[in-house]
C-alpha atoms as a PDB file:
ATOM      1  CA  MET A   1     -38.534 -40.116  16.246  1.00  0.00           C
ATOM      2  CA  LYS A   2     -40.077 -37.630  18.589  1.00  0.00           C
ATOM      3  CA  TYR A   3     -36.652 -36.330  19.477  1.00  0.00           C
ATOM      4  CA  PHE A   4     -35.821 -35.609  15.841  1.00  0.00           C
ATOM      5  CA  GLU A   5     -39.220 -34.237  15.186  1.00  0.00           C
ATOM      6  CA  LYS A   6     -38.860 -31.691  17.980  1.00  0.00           C
ATOM      7  CA  HIS A   7     -35.373 -30.730  17.171  1.00  0.00           C
ATOM      8  CA  LEU A   8     -35.593 -30.374  13.316  1.00  0.00           C
ATOM      9  CA  ASN A   9     -36.740 -27.154  11.777  1.00  0.00           C
ATOM     10  CA  PRO A  10     -40.637 -27.695  11.115  1.00  0.00           C
ATOM     11  CA  GLY A  11     -40.304 -25.438   7.993  1.00  0.00           C
ATOM     12  CA  ASP A  12     -37.906 -27.862   6.405  1.00  0.00           C
ATOM     13  CA  PHE A  13     -38.847 -31.167   7.835  1.00  0.00           C
ATOM     14  CA  VAL A  14     -42.103 -33.042   8.411  1.00  0.00           C
ATOM     15  CA  ARG A  15     -42.991 -36.443   9.869  1.00  0.00           C
ATOM     16  CA  ILE A  16     -45.050 -38.269   7.223  1.00  0.00           C
ATOM     17  CA  HIS A  17     -45.164 -41.629   8.983  1.00  0.00           C
ATOM     18  CA  ARG A  18     -44.298 -43.134  12.411  1.00  0.00           C
ATOM     19  CA  SER A  19     -41.113 -44.217  10.793  1.00  0.00           C
ATOM     20  CA  HIS A  20     -40.189 -41.452   8.397  1.00  0.00           C
ATOM     21  CA  ILE A  21     -39.317 -37.738   8.630  1.00  0.00           C
ATOM     22  CA  ILE A  22     -38.601 -36.078   5.165  1.00  0.00           C
ATOM     23  CA  ARG A  23     -36.931 -32.870   4.197  1.00  0.00           C
ATOM     24  CA  LEU A  24     -39.643 -31.004   2.242  1.00  0.00           C
ATOM     25  CA  SER A  25     -37.092 -29.741  -0.258  1.00  0.00           C
ATOM     26  CA  LEU A  26     -36.353 -33.314  -1.394  1.00  0.00           C
ATOM     27  CA  LEU A  27     -39.916 -34.344  -1.944  1.00  0.00           C
ATOM     28  CA  ASN A  28     -40.643 -34.780  -5.762  1.00  0.00           C
ATOM     29  CA  LYS A  29     -44.375 -35.698  -5.531  1.00  0.00           C
ATOM     30  CA  ILE A  30     -47.190 -37.374  -3.542  1.00  0.00           C
ATOM     31  CA  GLU A  31     -48.992 -40.320  -5.225  1.00  0.00           C
ATOM     32  CA  SER A  32     -52.344 -41.692  -4.389  1.00  0.00           C
ATOM     33  CA  THR A  33     -52.163 -45.493  -3.869  1.00  0.00           C
ATOM     34  CA  GLY A  34     -55.864 -46.004  -3.126  1.00  0.00           C
ATOM     35  CA  LYS A  35     -58.659 -44.564  -1.088  1.00  0.00           C
ATOM     36  CA  GLU A  36     -57.059 -42.294   1.500  1.00  0.00           C
ATOM     37  CA  SER A  37     -53.705 -43.994   0.938  1.00  0.00           C
ATOM     38  CA  HIS A  38     -50.575 -41.975  -0.231  1.00  0.00           C
ATOM     39  CA  ARG A  39     -46.920 -42.350  -0.797  1.00  0.00           C
ATOM     40  CA  ALA A  40     -44.015 -39.897  -0.999  1.00  0.00           C
ATOM     41  CA  VAL A  41     -41.774 -40.029  -3.991  1.00  0.00           C
ATOM     42  CA  MET A  42     -38.383 -38.373  -3.217  1.00  0.00           C
ATOM     43  CA  ASN A  43     -36.045 -36.790  -5.750  1.00  0.00           C
ATOM     44  CA  ASP A  44     -33.701 -39.788  -5.698  1.00  0.00           C
ATOM     45  CA  GLY A  45     -36.569 -42.147  -6.352  1.00  0.00           C
ATOM     46  CA  THR A  46     -37.152 -43.457  -2.787  1.00  0.00           C
ATOM     47  CA  ILE A  47     -40.812 -44.217  -2.096  1.00  0.00           C
ATOM     48  CA  LEU A  48     -42.091 -43.738   1.336  1.00  0.00           C
ATOM     49  CA  PRO A  49     -45.535 -44.407   2.923  1.00  0.00           C
ATOM     50  CA  ILE A  50     -47.497 -41.556   4.220  1.00  0.00           C
ATOM     51  CA  SER A  51     -49.990 -41.970   7.117  1.00  0.00           C
ATOM     52  CA  LYS A  52     -53.266 -40.207   7.203  1.00  0.00           C
ATOM     53  CA  ASN A  53     -52.093 -37.841   9.725  1.00  0.00           C
ATOM     54  CA  GLY A  54     -48.780 -37.272   7.783  1.00  0.00           C
ATOM     55  CA  HIS A  55     -50.798 -36.465   4.675  1.00  0.00           C
ATOM     56  CA  SER A  56     -52.721 -33.761   6.649  1.00  0.00           C
ATOM     57  CA  LYS A  57     -49.613 -32.284   7.731  1.00  0.00           C
ATOM     58  CA  LEU A  58     -48.082 -32.199   4.229  1.00  0.00           C
ATOM     59  CA  LYS A  59     -51.250 -30.771   2.645  1.00  0.00           C
ATOM     60  CA  SER A  60     -51.177 -27.939   5.285  1.00  0.00           C
ATOM     61  CA  LEU A  61     -47.469 -27.219   4.792  1.00  0.00           C
ATOM     62  CA  LEU A  62     -47.589 -27.356   0.895  1.00  0.00           C
ATOM     63  CA  SER A  63     -50.739 -25.055   0.438  1.00  0.00           C
END
């Protein structure tokens, strides 16, 4: 995963979990699933977990 994270454009892709890198343009929404727990809902309906660190990265990129 580190290889892909380093070689993909950081403006287009973000690692949201130790097992998931997403393309930001395909992100539909972020849902809260509990206290400090979130998941990403993609345009095709796929639901992916977001780690605490991944959530911080997403917030900084989307704001």
